[in-house]
Amino acid sequence: MTENYIQYASGYQKDNIDEEDIVKAISDIQSMDDEHGAFWVSVITADENVIEVNKDLSLFVIFEGQQTRYQATHWNEVTELYKLLLLEKFDIITSKVK
């Protein structure tokens, strides 16, 4: 099993997450203030692969040490990217956030 975790900017962290944890985090972030309105999910393979999302739908995607900034248009798009992350579909995510 791949190691993964979710962490909120406010400090909450949980290991071995699933899609339900991401759905909850997206719901939570929408009611947070701007300072704490972010969370990230990391999937650890040979490298740590991270997607961080902010309340304004801006994302940082970090794969193999390369960071890409991306502006999502809707929370459904963010949910889809996180689902792909949990499935380790890094190449699909990379093509979507170019």
PDB file of N, CA and C in Angstrom:
ATOM      1  N   MET A   1       0.839  -1.197   0.000  1.00  0.00           N
ATOM      2  CA  MET A   1       0.000   0.000   0.000  1.00  0.00           C
ATOM      3  C   MET A   1       0.875   1.249   0.000  1.00  0.00           C
ATOM      4  N   THR A   2       0.527   2.200  -0.815  1.00  0.00           N
ATOM      5  CA  THR A   2       1.251   3.456  -0.899  1.00  0.00           C
ATOM      6  C   THR A   2       0.970   4.297   0.328  1.00  0.00           C
ATOM      7  N   GLU A   3       2.012   4.932   0.825  1.00  0.00           N
ATOM      8  CA  GLU A   3       1.845   5.832   1.959  1.00  0.00           C
ATOM      9  C   GLU A   3       1.305   7.162   1.453  1.00  0.00           C
ATOM     10  N   ASN A   4       0.302   7.689   2.158  1.00  0.00           N
ATOM     11  CA  ASN A   4      -0.230   8.998   1.798  1.00  0.00           C
ATOM     12  C   ASN A   4      -0.744   9.694   3.048  1.00  0.00           C
ATOM     13  N   TYR A   5      -0.922  10.994   2.936  1.00  0.00           N
ATOM     14  CA  TYR A   5      -1.481  11.762   4.048  1.00  0.00           C
ATOM     15  C   TYR A   5      -2.098  13.047   3.537  1.00  0.00           C
ATOM     16  N   ILE A   6      -2.946  13.619   4.398  1.00  0.00           N
ATOM     17  CA  ILE A   6      -3.539  14.930   4.133  1.00  0.00           C
ATOM     18  C   ILE A   6      -3.150  15.833   5.295  1.00  0.00           C
ATOM     19  N   GLN A   7      -2.891  17.093   4.995  1.00  0.00           N
ATOM     20  CA  GLN A   7      -2.591  18.058   6.043  1.00  0.00           C
ATOM     21  C   GLN A   7      -3.235  19.387   5.700  1.00  0.00           C
ATOM     22  N   TYR A   8      -3.870  19.972   6.703  1.00  0.00           N
ATOM     23  CA  TYR A   8      -4.481  21.294   6.543  1.00  0.00           C
ATOM     24  C   TYR A   8      -3.474  22.351   6.992  1.00  0.00           C
ATOM     25  N   ALA A   9      -3.587  23.563   6.444  1.00  0.00           N
ATOM     26  CA  ALA A   9      -2.745  24.676   6.874  1.00  0.00           C
ATOM     27  C   ALA A   9      -2.959  24.980   8.352  1.00  0.00           C
ATOM     28  N   SER A  10      -4.129  24.656   8.868  1.00  0.00           N
ATOM     29  CA  SER A  10      -4.429  24.895  10.283  1.00  0.00           C
ATOM     30  C   SER A  10      -3.759  23.875  11.202  1.00  0.00           C
ATOM     31  N   GLY A  11      -3.133  22.837  10.630  1.00  0.00           N
ATOM     32  CA  GLY A  11      -2.381  21.894  11.434  1.00  0.00           C
ATOM     33  C   GLY A  11      -2.923  20.475  11.480  1.00  0.00           C
ATOM     34  N   TYR A  12      -4.176  20.266  11.128  1.00  0.00           N
ATOM     35  CA  TYR A  12      -4.750  18.916  11.142  1.00  0.00           C
ATOM     36  C   TYR A  12      -4.016  18.029  10.144  1.00  0.00           C
ATOM     37  N   GLN A  13      -3.742  16.782  10.542  1.00  0.00           N
ATOM     38  CA  GLN A  13      -3.106  15.834   9.633  1.00  0.00           C
ATOM     39  C   GLN A  13      -3.681  14.448   9.849  1.00  0.00           C
ATOM     40  N   LYS A  14      -3.801  13.682   8.759  1.00  0.00           N
ATOM     41  CA  LYS A  14      -4.282  12.312   8.831  1.00  0.00           C
ATOM     42  C   LYS A  14      -3.518  11.473   7.820  1.00  0.00           C
ATOM     43  N   ASP A  15      -3.077  10.291   8.233  1.00  0.00           N
ATOM     44  CA  ASP A  15      -2.374   9.363   7.354  1.00  0.00           C
ATOM     45  C   ASP A  15      -3.349   8.373   6.733  1.00  0.00           C
ATOM     46  N   ASN A  16      -2.903   7.735   5.661  1.00  0.00           N
ATOM     47  CA  ASN A  16      -3.662   6.671   4.991  1.00  0.00           C
ATOM     48  C   ASN A  16      -5.091   7.104   4.669  1.00  0.00           C
ATOM     49  N   ILE A  17      -5.186   8.106   3.840  1.00  0.00           N
ATOM     50  CA  ILE A  17      -6.489   8.704   3.526  1.00  0.00           C
ATOM     51  C   ILE A  17      -7.138   8.031   2.325  1.00  0.00           C
ATOM     52  N   ASP A  18      -8.402   8.366   2.125  1.00  0.00           N
ATOM     53  CA  ASP A  18      -9.137   7.914   0.951  1.00  0.00           C
ATOM     54  C   ASP A  18      -9.931   9.085   0.389  1.00  0.00           C
ATOM     55  N   GLU A  19     -10.736   8.807  -0.611  1.00  0.00           N
ATOM     56  CA  GLU A  19     -11.495   9.855  -1.295  1.00  0.00           C
ATOM     57  C   GLU A  19     -12.422  10.618  -0.342  1.00  0.00           C
ATOM     58  N   GLU A  20     -12.999   9.948   0.626  1.00  0.00           N
ATOM     59  CA  GLU A  20     -13.901  10.616   1.580  1.00  0.00           C
ATOM     60  C   GLU A  20     -13.178  11.706   2.368  1.00  0.00           C
ATOM     61  N   ASP A  21     -11.915  11.471   2.713  1.00  0.00           N
ATOM     62  CA  ASP A  21     -11.137  12.478   3.438  1.00  0.00           C
ATOM     63  C   ASP A  21     -10.933  13.721   2.579  1.00  0.00           C
ATOM     64  N   ILE A  22     -10.744  13.528   1.293  1.00  0.00           N
ATOM     65  CA  ILE A  22     -10.560  14.664   0.378  1.00  0.00           C
ATOM     66  C   ILE A  22     -11.859  15.440   0.221  1.00  0.00           C
ATOM     67  N   VAL A  23     -12.960  14.744   0.069  1.00  0.00           N
ATOM     68  CA  VAL A  23     -14.266  15.405  -0.040  1.00  0.00           C
ATOM     69  C   VAL A  23     -14.541  16.245   1.209  1.00  0.00           C
ATOM     70  N   LYS A  24     -14.221  15.694   2.389  1.00  0.00           N
ATOM     71  CA  LYS A  24     -14.403  16.435   3.639  1.00  0.00           C
ATOM     72  C   LYS A  24     -13.493  17.665   3.679  1.00  0.00           C
ATOM     73  N   ALA A  25     -12.254  17.515   3.253  1.00  0.00           N
ATOM     74  CA  ALA A  25     -11.309  18.635   3.259  1.00  0.00           C
ATOM     75  C   ALA A  25     -11.778  19.760   2.345  1.00  0.00           C
ATOM     76  N   ILE A  26     -12.313  19.416   1.189  1.00  0.00           N
ATOM     77  CA  ILE A  26     -12.822  20.432   0.268  1.00  0.00           C
ATOM     78  C   ILE A  26     -14.000  21.165   0.895  1.00  0.00           C
ATOM     79  N   SER A  27     -14.861  20.449   1.573  1.00  0.00           N
ATOM     80  CA  SER A  27     -15.977  21.086   2.278  1.00  0.00           C
ATOM     81  C   SER A  27     -15.463  22.002   3.389  1.00  0.00           C
ATOM     82  N   ASP A  28     -14.468  21.507   4.133  1.00  0.00           N
ATOM     83  CA  ASP A  28     -13.896  22.295   5.237  1.00  0.00           C
ATOM     84  C   ASP A  28     -13.227  23.572   4.742  1.00  0.00           C
ATOM     85  N   ILE A  29     -12.457  23.479   3.669  1.00  0.00           N
ATOM     86  CA  ILE A  29     -11.684  24.628   3.184  1.00  0.00           C
ATOM     87  C   ILE A  29     -12.599  25.778   2.764  1.00  0.00           C
ATOM     88  N   GLN A  30     -13.777  25.460   2.275  1.00  0.00           N
ATOM     89  CA  GLN A  30     -14.690  26.494   1.812  1.00  0.00           C
ATOM     90  C   GLN A  30     -15.203  27.362   2.957  1.00  0.00           C
ATOM     91  N   SER A  31     -15.144  26.864   4.194  1.00  0.00           N
ATOM     92  CA  SER A  31     -15.611  27.649   5.337  1.00  0.00           C
ATOM     93  C   SER A  31     -14.465  28.217   6.175  1.00  0.00           C
ATOM     94  N   MET A  32     -13.220  27.966   5.774  1.00  0.00           N
ATOM     95  CA  MET A  32     -12.066  28.474   6.519  1.00  0.00           C
ATOM     96  C   MET A  32     -11.771  29.922   6.133  1.00  0.00           C
ATOM     97  N   ASP A  33     -11.024  30.601   7.013  1.00  0.00           N
ATOM     98  CA  ASP A  33     -10.559  31.938   6.660  1.00  0.00           C
ATOM     99  C   ASP A  33      -9.425  31.809   5.639  1.00  0.00           C
ATOM    100  N   ASP A  34      -9.036  32.920   5.038  1.00  0.00           N
ATOM    101  CA  ASP A  34      -8.030  32.882   3.987  1.00  0.00           C
ATOM    102  C   ASP A  34      -6.674  32.390   4.488  1.00  0.00           C
ATOM    103  N   GLU A  35      -6.317  32.724   5.723  1.00  0.00           N
ATOM    104  CA  GLU A  35      -5.012  32.322   6.253  1.00  0.00           C
ATOM    105  C   GLU A  35      -4.899  30.807   6.380  1.00  0.00           C
ATOM    106  N   HIS A  36      -5.967  30.144   6.785  1.00  0.00           N
ATOM    107  CA  HIS A  36      -5.937  28.704   6.998  1.00  0.00           C
ATOM    108  C   HIS A  36      -6.633  27.935   5.878  1.00  0.00           C
ATOM    109  N   GLY A  37      -7.028  28.624   4.835  1.00  0.00           N
ATOM    110  CA  GLY A  37      -7.801  28.028   3.753  1.00  0.00           C
ATOM    111  C   GLY A  37      -6.960  27.301   2.736  1.00  0.00           C
ATOM    112  N   ALA A  38      -6.252  26.269   3.178  1.00  0.00           N
ATOM    113  CA  ALA A  38      -5.445  25.451   2.273  1.00  0.00           C
ATOM    114  C   ALA A  38      -5.268  24.068   2.882  1.00  0.00           C
ATOM    115  N   PHE A  39      -5.087  23.093   2.006  1.00  0.00           N
ATOM    116  CA  PHE A  39      -4.672  21.770   2.455  1.00  0.00           C
ATOM    117  C   PHE A  39      -3.897  21.112   1.333  1.00  0.00           C
ATOM    118  N   TRP A  40      -3.155  20.086   1.676  1.00  0.00           N
ATOM    119  CA  TRP A  40      -2.403  19.354   0.672  1.00  0.00           C
ATOM    120  C   TRP A  40      -2.475  17.868   0.964  1.00  0.00           C
ATOM    121  N   VAL A  41      -2.325  17.122  -0.114  1.00  0.00           N
ATOM    122  CA  VAL A  41      -2.301  15.667  -0.043  1.00  0.00           C
ATOM    123  C   VAL A  41      -0.978  15.228  -0.647  1.00  0.00           C
ATOM    124  N   SER A  42      -0.338  14.291   0.032  1.00  0.00           N
ATOM    125  CA  SER A  42       0.922  13.745  -0.438  1.00  0.00           C
ATOM    126  C   SER A  42       0.785  12.243  -0.629  1.00  0.00           C
ATOM    127  N   VAL A  43       1.254  11.767  -1.765  1.00  0.00           N
ATOM    128  CA  VAL A  43       1.354  10.343  -2.033  1.00  0.00           C
ATOM    129  C   VAL A  43       2.837  10.051  -2.204  1.00  0.00           C
ATOM    130  N   ILE A  44       3.348   9.177  -1.358  1.00  0.00           N
ATOM    131  CA  ILE A  44       4.776   8.899  -1.353  1.00  0.00           C
ATOM    132  C   ILE A  44       5.046   7.584  -2.081  1.00  0.00           C
ATOM    133  N   THR A  45       5.759   7.710  -3.201  1.00  0.00           N
ATOM    134  CA  THR A  45       6.243   6.553  -3.944  1.00  0.00           C
ATOM    135  C   THR A  45       7.765   6.624  -3.812  1.00  0.00           C
ATOM    136  N   ALA A  46       8.502   6.597  -4.899  1.00  0.00           N
ATOM    137  CA  ALA A  46       9.943   6.832  -4.830  1.00  0.00           C
ATOM    138  C   ALA A  46      10.210   8.285  -4.426  1.00  0.00           C
ATOM    139  N   ASP A  47       9.291   9.182  -4.777  1.00  0.00           N
ATOM    140  CA  ASP A  47       9.338  10.594  -4.411  1.00  0.00           C
ATOM    141  C   ASP A  47       8.061  10.944  -3.667  1.00  0.00           C
ATOM    142  N   GLU A  48       8.058  12.132  -3.067  1.00  0.00           N
ATOM    143  CA  GLU A  48       6.822  12.638  -2.465  1.00  0.00           C
ATOM    144  C   GLU A  48       6.113  13.469  -3.519  1.00  0.00           C
ATOM    145  N   ASN A  49       4.879  13.102  -3.837  1.00  0.00           N
ATOM    146  CA  ASN A  49       4.071  13.760  -4.859  1.00  0.00           C
ATOM    147  C   ASN A  49       2.937  14.494  -4.159  1.00  0.00           C
ATOM    148  N   VAL A  50       2.870  15.804  -4.353  1.00  0.00           N
ATOM    149  CA  VAL A  50       1.979  16.646  -3.557  1.00  0.00           C
ATOM    150  C   VAL A  50       1.108  17.517  -4.456  1.00  0.00           C
ATOM    151  N   ILE A  51      -0.150  17.648  -4.061  1.00  0.00           N
ATOM    152  CA  ILE A  51      -1.014  18.688  -4.610  1.00  0.00           C
ATOM    153  C   ILE A  51      -1.524  19.496  -3.432  1.00  0.00           C
ATOM    154  N   GLU A  52      -1.293  20.800  -3.491  1.00  0.00           N
ATOM    155  CA  GLU A  52      -1.798  21.730  -2.471  1.00  0.00           C
ATOM    156  C   GLU A  52      -2.842  22.611  -3.136  1.00  0.00           C
ATOM    157  N   VAL A  53      -3.964  22.789  -2.460  1.00  0.00           N
ATOM    158  CA  VAL A  53      -5.007  23.670  -2.977  1.00  0.00           C
ATOM    159  C   VAL A  53      -5.308  24.745  -1.947  1.00  0.00           C
ATOM    160  N   ASN A  54      -5.535  25.941  -2.450  1.00  0.00           N
ATOM    161  CA  ASN A  54      -5.914  27.071  -1.607  1.00  0.00           C
ATOM    162  C   ASN A  54      -7.384  27.392  -1.826  1.00  0.00           C
ATOM    163  N   LYS A  55      -7.921  28.140  -0.914  1.00  0.00           N
ATOM    164  CA  LYS A  55      -9.346  28.488  -0.949  1.00  0.00           C
ATOM    165  C   LYS A  55      -9.757  29.150  -2.260  1.00  0.00           C
ATOM    166  N   ASP A  56      -8.821  29.842  -2.908  1.00  0.00           N
ATOM    167  CA  ASP A  56      -9.129  30.536  -4.172  1.00  0.00           C
ATOM    168  C   ASP A  56      -8.985  29.623  -5.402  1.00  0.00           C
ATOM    169  N   LEU A  57      -8.866  28.304  -5.167  1.00  0.00           N
ATOM    170  CA  LEU A  57      -8.736  27.286  -6.214  1.00  0.00           C
ATOM    171  C   LEU A  57      -7.376  27.283  -6.909  1.00  0.00           C
ATOM    172  N   SER A  58      -6.404  27.992  -6.351  1.00  0.00           N
ATOM    173  CA  SER A  58      -5.055  27.897  -6.906  1.00  0.00           C
ATOM    174  C   SER A  58      -4.391  26.645  -6.342  1.00  0.00           C
ATOM    175  N   LEU A  59      -3.640  25.972  -7.199  1.00  0.00           N
ATOM    176  CA  LEU A  59      -2.983  24.732  -6.809  1.00  0.00           C
ATOM    177  C   LEU A  59      -1.487  24.806  -7.056  1.00  0.00           C
ATOM    178  N   PHE A  60      -0.763  24.072  -6.240  1.00  0.00           N
ATOM    179  CA  PHE A  60       0.642  23.800  -6.470  1.00  0.00           C
ATOM    180  C   PHE A  60       0.748  22.293  -6.608  1.00  0.00           C
ATOM    181  N   VAL A  61       1.291  21.855  -7.728  1.00  0.00           N
ATOM    182  CA  VAL A  61       1.473  20.436  -7.990  1.00  0.00           C
ATOM    183  C   VAL A  61       2.981  20.188  -7.987  1.00  0.00           C
ATOM    184  N   ILE A  62       3.435  19.300  -7.106  1.00  0.00           N
ATOM    185  CA  ILE A  62       4.865  19.036  -6.979  1.00  0.00           C
ATOM    186  C   ILE A  62       5.101  17.541  -7.182  1.00  0.00           C
ATOM    187  N   PHE A  63       5.677  17.214  -8.339  1.00  0.00           N
ATOM    188  CA  PHE A  63       6.024  15.842  -8.687  1.00  0.00           C
ATOM    189  C   PHE A  63       7.501  15.801  -9.037  1.00  0.00           C
ATOM    190  N   GLU A  64       8.222  14.837  -8.486  1.00  0.00           N
ATOM    191  CA  GLU A  64       9.646  14.648  -8.772  1.00  0.00           C
ATOM    192  C   GLU A  64      10.436  15.940  -8.618  1.00  0.00           C
ATOM    193  N   GLY A  65      10.094  16.712  -7.596  1.00  0.00           N
ATOM    194  CA  GLY A  65      10.807  17.946  -7.308  1.00  0.00           C
ATOM    195  C   GLY A  65      10.460  19.124  -8.204  1.00  0.00           C
ATOM    196  N   GLN A  66       9.563  18.940  -9.166  1.00  0.00           N
ATOM    197  CA  GLN A  66       9.156  20.009 -10.073  1.00  0.00           C
ATOM    198  C   GLN A  66       7.807  20.570  -9.631  1.00  0.00           C
ATOM    199  N   GLN A  67       7.758  21.886  -9.430  1.00  0.00           N
ATOM    200  CA  GLN A  67       6.515  22.532  -8.988  1.00  0.00           C
ATOM    201  C   GLN A  67       5.829  23.238 -10.152  1.00  0.00           C
ATOM    202  N   THR A  68       4.526  23.002 -10.265  1.00  0.00           N
ATOM    203  CA  THR A  68       3.696  23.662 -11.269  1.00  0.00           C
ATOM    204  C   THR A  68       2.562  24.376 -10.553  1.00  0.00           C
ATOM    205  N   ARG A  69       2.313  25.601 -10.911  1.00  0.00           N
ATOM    206  CA  ARG A  69       1.175  26.350 -10.374  1.00  0.00           C
ATOM    207  C   ARG A  69       0.037  26.230 -11.380  1.00  0.00           C
ATOM    208  N   TYR A  70      -1.177  26.040 -10.854  1.00  0.00           N
ATOM    209  CA  TYR A  70      -2.337  25.850 -11.724  1.00  0.00           C
ATOM    210  C   TYR A  70      -3.548  26.493 -11.077  1.00  0.00           C
ATOM    211  N   GLN A  71      -4.398  27.106 -11.885  1.00  0.00           N
ATOM    212  CA  GLN A  71      -5.630  27.715 -11.393  1.00  0.00           C
ATOM    213  C   GLN A  71      -6.810  26.862 -11.829  1.00  0.00           C
ATOM    214  N   ALA A  72      -7.432  26.174 -10.890  1.00  0.00           N
ATOM    215  CA  ALA A  72      -8.617  25.367 -11.190  1.00  0.00           C
ATOM    216  C   ALA A  72      -9.805  26.306 -11.385  1.00  0.00           C
ATOM    217  N   THR A  73     -10.822  25.810 -12.057  1.00  0.00           N
ATOM    218  CA  THR A  73     -12.006  26.624 -12.312  1.00  0.00           C
ATOM    219  C   THR A  73     -13.180  26.255 -11.417  1.00  0.00           C
ATOM    220  N   HIS A  74     -13.122  25.075 -10.802  1.00  0.00           N
ATOM    221  CA  HIS A  74     -14.245  24.607  -9.988  1.00  0.00           C
ATOM    222  C   HIS A  74     -13.751  23.549  -9.008  1.00  0.00           C
ATOM    223  N   TRP A  75     -14.454  23.401  -7.906  1.00  0.00           N
ATOM    224  CA  TRP A  75     -14.073  22.393  -6.909  1.00  0.00           C
ATOM    225  C   TRP A  75     -14.169  20.973  -7.455  1.00  0.00           C
ATOM    226  N   ASN A  76     -15.042  20.730  -8.436  1.00  0.00           N
ATOM    227  CA  ASN A  76     -15.114  19.394  -9.043  1.00  0.00           C
ATOM    228  C   ASN A  76     -13.804  19.036  -9.739  1.00  0.00           C
ATOM    229  N   GLU A  77     -13.184  20.024 -10.361  1.00  0.00           N
ATOM    230  CA  GLU A  77     -11.894  19.800 -11.014  1.00  0.00           C
ATOM    231  C   GLU A  77     -10.833  19.437  -9.975  1.00  0.00           C
ATOM    232  N   VAL A  78     -10.849  20.121  -8.849  1.00  0.00           N
ATOM    233  CA  VAL A  78      -9.906  19.832  -7.766  1.00  0.00           C
ATOM    234  C   VAL A  78     -10.117  18.405  -7.252  1.00  0.00           C
ATOM    235  N   THR A  79     -11.367  18.035  -7.046  1.00  0.00           N
ATOM    236  CA  THR A  79     -11.691  16.681  -6.578  1.00  0.00           C
ATOM    237  C   THR A  79     -11.146  15.635  -7.539  1.00  0.00           C
ATOM    238  N   GLU A  80     -11.324  15.862  -8.817  1.00  0.00           N
ATOM    239  CA  GLU A  80     -10.846  14.914  -9.831  1.00  0.00           C
ATOM    240  C   GLU A  80      -9.324  14.781  -9.793  1.00  0.00           C
ATOM    241  N   LEU A  81      -8.614  15.894  -9.640  1.00  0.00           N
ATOM    242  CA  LEU A  81      -7.157  15.841  -9.571  1.00  0.00           C
ATOM    243  C   LEU A  81      -6.696  15.048  -8.349  1.00  0.00           C
ATOM    244  N   TYR A  82      -7.381  15.232  -7.227  1.00  0.00           N
ATOM    245  CA  TYR A  82      -7.005  14.473  -6.030  1.00  0.00           C
ATOM    246  C   TYR A  82      -7.313  12.983  -6.178  1.00  0.00           C
ATOM    247  N   LYS A  83      -8.404  12.646  -6.840  1.00  0.00           N
ATOM    248  CA  LYS A  83      -8.713  11.231  -7.100  1.00  0.00           C
ATOM    249  C   LYS A  83      -7.592  10.608  -7.932  1.00  0.00           C
ATOM    250  N   LEU A  84      -7.151  11.317  -8.955  1.00  0.00           N
ATOM    251  CA  LEU A  84      -6.056  10.834  -9.786  1.00  0.00           C
ATOM    252  C   LEU A  84      -4.767  10.695  -8.979  1.00  0.00           C
ATOM    253  N   LEU A  85      -4.536  11.613  -8.066  1.00  0.00           N
ATOM    254  CA  LEU A  85      -3.348  11.539  -7.214  1.00  0.00           C
ATOM    255  C   LEU A  85      -3.362  10.264  -6.371  1.00  0.00           C
ATOM    256  N   LEU A  86      -4.494   9.965  -5.759  1.00  0.00           N
ATOM    257  CA  LEU A  86      -4.583   8.750  -4.945  1.00  0.00           C
ATOM    258  C   LEU A  86      -4.393   7.490  -5.787  1.00  0.00           C
ATOM    259  N   LEU A  87      -4.747   7.567  -7.060  1.00  0.00           N
ATOM    260  CA  LEU A  87      -4.565   6.429  -7.978  1.00  0.00           C
ATOM    261  C   LEU A  87      -3.165   6.407  -8.612  1.00  0.00           C
ATOM    262  N   GLU A  88      -2.327   7.382  -8.220  1.00  0.00           N
ATOM    263  CA  GLU A  88      -0.962   7.516  -8.725  1.00  0.00           C
ATOM    264  C   GLU A  88      -0.914   7.739 -10.235  1.00  0.00           C
ATOM    265  N   LYS A  89      -1.871   8.469 -10.761  1.00  0.00           N
ATOM    266  CA  LYS A  89      -1.934   8.808 -12.189  1.00  0.00           C
ATOM    267  C   LYS A  89      -1.226  10.147 -12.421  1.00  0.00           C
ATOM    268  N   PHE A  90       0.049  10.196 -12.063  1.00  0.00           N
ATOM    269  CA  PHE A  90       0.814  11.435 -12.096  1.00  0.00           C
ATOM    270  C   PHE A  90       0.932  11.997 -13.511  1.00  0.00           C
ATOM    271  N   ASP A  91       1.069  11.135 -14.516  1.00  0.00           N
ATOM    272  CA  ASP A  91       1.192  11.610 -15.892  1.00  0.00           C
ATOM    273  C   ASP A  91      -0.085  12.285 -16.369  1.00  0.00           C
ATOM    274  N   ILE A  92      -1.243  11.780 -15.978  1.00  0.00           N
ATOM    275  CA  ILE A  92      -2.516  12.399 -16.365  1.00  0.00           C
ATOM    276  C   ILE A  92      -2.658  13.763 -15.692  1.00  0.00           C
ATOM    277  N   ILE A  93      -2.299  13.839 -14.404  1.00  0.00           N
ATOM    278  CA  ILE A  93      -2.376  15.112 -13.674  1.00  0.00           C
ATOM    279  C   ILE A  93      -1.454  16.125 -14.342  1.00  0.00           C
ATOM    280  N   THR A  94      -0.237  15.709 -14.645  1.00  0.00           N
ATOM    281  CA  THR A  94       0.730  16.615 -15.264  1.00  0.00           C
ATOM    282  C   THR A  94       0.205  17.184 -16.572  1.00  0.00           C
ATOM    283  N   SER A  95      -0.443  16.339 -17.381  1.00  0.00           N
ATOM    284  CA  SER A  95      -0.968  16.832 -18.656  1.00  0.00           C
ATOM    285  C   SER A  95      -2.134  17.799 -18.458  1.00  0.00           C
ATOM    286  N   LYS A  96      -2.892  17.641 -17.383  1.00  0.00           N
ATOM    287  CA  LYS A  96      -4.041  18.526 -17.120  1.00  0.00           C
ATOM    288  C   LYS A  96      -3.619  19.892 -16.576  1.00  0.00           C
ATOM    289  N   VAL A  97      -2.494  19.967 -15.888  1.00  0.00           N
ATOM    290  CA  VAL A  97      -2.109  21.221 -15.226  1.00  0.00           C
ATOM    291  C   VAL A  97      -1.004  21.994 -15.963  1.00  0.00           C
ATOM    292  N   LYS A  98      -0.701  21.591 -17.177  1.00  0.00           N
ATOM    293  CA  LYS A  98       0.324  22.307 -17.964  1.00  0.00           C
ATOM    294  C   LYS A  98      -0.130  23.689 -18.311  1.00  0.00           C
TER     295      LYS A  98
END
